[in-house]
Amino acid sequence: MNRKRIVRAVRDARARKGVTLVELIVAVTILMLGLLSVVGISAGISRSLGEARSDAMAAMVAQSRFEKLAGTACASMTLGTVVQVTYRGITERYMISDAGNNTRVLRDSLSWITRRNTRRAAFETLIPCRPGA
């Protein structure tokens, strides 16, 4: 009789459908860990995109300065003077000096504030002086 009870218990366990409470808790815990990691990653991506936007803006300010001065006659450029300009939260300091050989050197340094710190970038380019300009 004892053996019949064991066989019946095994048969009933196999026929049982559904999940136990422990299995449900483990599945929900794994799901929550996955969702929390997705939220953490998306916050990091959002910060990186914001910093990349400000970096791109600073590079665009420097490029704009290069293009503006490239179209200016060399005789009208003031040499050796540091000029400071602030545009959209980006502080730009640039100086033009004589590079010889009928060219000018433009050194442009930019600084801007991010959420974490102040970032800085420096650019340098040669501007050729065109005859008659």
Protein backbone atom coordinates (compact mmCIF):
# COMPACT_ATOMS: atom_id res chain seq x y z
CA MET A 1 0.00 0.00 0.00
CA ASN A 2 2.85 2.30 0.76
CA ARG A 3 4.26 1.79 -2.74
CA LYS A 4 0.93 2.74 -4.32
CA ARG A 5 0.94 6.06 -2.48
CA ILE A 6 4.46 6.87 -3.78
CA VAL A 7 3.49 5.99 -7.36
CA ARG A 8 0.33 8.07 -7.08
CA ALA A 9 2.30 11.05 -5.66
CA VAL A 10 4.79 10.86 -8.55
CA ARG A 11 1.94 10.62 -11.09
CA ASP A 12 0.13 13.57 -9.48
CA ALA A 13 3.32 15.67 -9.53
CA ARG A 14 3.77 14.99 -13.25
CA ALA A 15 0.17 15.83 -14.02
CA ARG A 16 0.32 19.10 -12.07
CA LYS A 17 0.43 22.20 -14.30
CA GLY A 18 1.55 25.75 -13.48
CA VAL A 19 4.40 27.24 -11.51
CA THR A 20 5.23 27.34 -7.87
CA LEU A 21 5.54 30.51 -5.87
CA VAL A 22 9.33 30.16 -5.67
CA GLU A 23 9.62 29.84 -9.47
CA LEU A 24 7.45 32.91 -9.90
CA ILE A 25 9.56 34.98 -7.47
CA VAL A 26 12.79 33.94 -9.25
CA ALA A 27 11.34 34.82 -12.67
CA VAL A 28 10.12 38.24 -11.50
CA THR A 29 13.50 38.96 -9.86
CA ILE A 30 15.36 38.16 -13.08
CA LEU A 31 12.96 40.33 -15.07
CA MET A 32 13.39 43.25 -12.67
CA LEU A 33 17.19 43.01 -12.81
CA GLY A 34 17.01 43.14 -16.61
CA LEU A 35 14.73 46.17 -16.60
CA LEU A 36 16.90 48.01 -14.06
CA SER A 37 20.01 47.41 -16.16
CA VAL A 38 18.23 48.80 -19.25
CA VAL A 39 17.28 51.94 -17.30
CA GLY A 40 20.86 52.37 -16.07
CA ILE A 41 22.29 51.99 -19.56
CA SER A 42 19.81 54.46 -21.03
CA ALA A 43 20.78 57.08 -18.42
CA GLY A 44 24.45 56.67 -19.34
CA ILE A 45 23.66 56.97 -23.04
CA SER A 46 21.65 60.12 -22.41
CA ARG A 47 24.58 61.72 -20.55
CA SER A 48 26.99 60.75 -23.32
CA LEU A 49 24.73 62.25 -25.97
CA GLY A 50 24.49 65.53 -24.05
CA GLU A 51 28.26 65.75 -23.74
CA ALA A 52 28.74 64.89 -27.41
CA ARG A 53 26.33 67.68 -28.33
CA SER A 54 28.31 70.25 -26.34
CA ASP A 55 31.60 68.96 -27.80
CA ALA A 56 30.19 69.28 -31.31
CA MET A 57 28.96 72.80 -30.55
CA ALA A 58 32.45 73.83 -29.38
CA ALA A 59 34.04 72.41 -32.53
CA MET A 60 31.47 74.25 -34.62
CA VAL A 61 32.32 77.55 -32.87
CA ALA A 62 36.02 77.03 -33.63
CA GLN A 63 35.31 76.11 -37.24
CA SER A 64 33.14 79.20 -37.62
CA ARG A 65 35.99 81.35 -36.30
CA PHE A 66 38.43 79.74 -38.77
CA GLU A 67 36.12 80.36 -41.72
CA LYS A 68 35.38 83.94 -40.68
CA LEU A 69 39.06 84.83 -40.37
CA ALA A 70 40.00 82.97 -43.56
CA GLY A 71 37.79 85.41 -45.45
CA THR A 72 39.38 88.44 -43.78
CA ALA A 73 42.27 90.34 -45.32
CA CYS A 74 45.55 89.69 -43.49
CA ALA A 75 46.30 93.41 -43.28
CA SER A 76 43.20 93.96 -41.13
CA MET A 77 44.01 91.17 -38.62
CA THR A 78 45.31 92.33 -35.25
CA LEU A 79 48.36 90.26 -34.36
CA GLY A 80 49.34 89.15 -30.85
CA THR A 81 46.14 90.20 -29.08
CA VAL A 82 44.02 87.66 -27.22
CA VAL A 83 40.33 88.11 -27.99
CA GLN A 84 37.68 86.53 -25.74
CA VAL A 85 34.14 85.84 -26.92
CA THR A 86 31.33 83.91 -25.20
CA TYR A 87 28.69 82.22 -27.34
CA ARG A 88 25.98 79.85 -26.06
CA GLY A 89 27.89 79.01 -22.90
CA ILE A 90 31.17 78.43 -24.74
CA THR A 91 34.03 80.79 -23.90
CA GLU A 92 36.40 81.22 -26.82
CA ARG A 93 39.86 82.80 -26.63
CA TYR A 94 41.79 83.22 -29.83
CA MET A 95 44.99 84.87 -30.91
CA ILE A 96 46.42 85.52 -34.37
CA SER A 97 50.17 85.64 -34.90
CA ASP A 98 52.48 85.89 -37.87
CA ALA A 99 53.74 82.52 -39.11
CA GLY A 100 56.04 83.95 -41.76
CA ASN A 101 55.92 82.98 -45.40
CA ASN A 102 52.85 85.18 -45.91
CA THR A 103 50.65 83.16 -43.48
CA ARG A 104 49.00 83.71 -40.12
CA VAL A 105 48.55 81.23 -37.26
CA LEU A 106 45.21 81.18 -35.47
CA ARG A 107 45.22 79.55 -32.03
CA ASP A 108 41.74 79.05 -30.66
CA SER A 109 41.02 77.65 -27.19
CA LEU A 110 37.50 76.96 -25.99
CA SER A 111 36.04 76.07 -22.60
CA TRP A 112 32.52 75.11 -21.62
CA ILE A 113 30.78 73.71 -18.56
CA THR A 114 29.22 70.25 -18.56
CA ARG A 115 27.30 68.53 -15.79
CA ARG A 116 30.46 67.03 -14.35
CA ASN A 117 33.25 69.53 -15.03
CA THR A 118 34.65 72.22 -17.29
CA ARG A 119 35.88 70.89 -20.62
CA ARG A 120 38.53 72.50 -22.76
CA ALA A 121 39.63 72.13 -26.36
CA ALA A 122 42.35 73.86 -28.33
CA PHE A 123 42.60 74.24 -32.11
CA GLU A 124 45.23 75.72 -34.36
CA THR A 125 45.24 76.47 -38.08
CA LEU A 126 47.26 78.35 -40.69
CA ILE A 127 45.56 81.09 -42.67
CA PRO A 128 47.22 81.93 -46.00
CA CYS A 129 47.32 85.59 -46.98
CA ARG A 130 46.07 85.98 -50.52
CA PRO A 131 47.76 88.61 -52.70
CA GLY A 132 45.59 91.67 -53.04
CA ALA A 133 43.30 90.70 -50.14
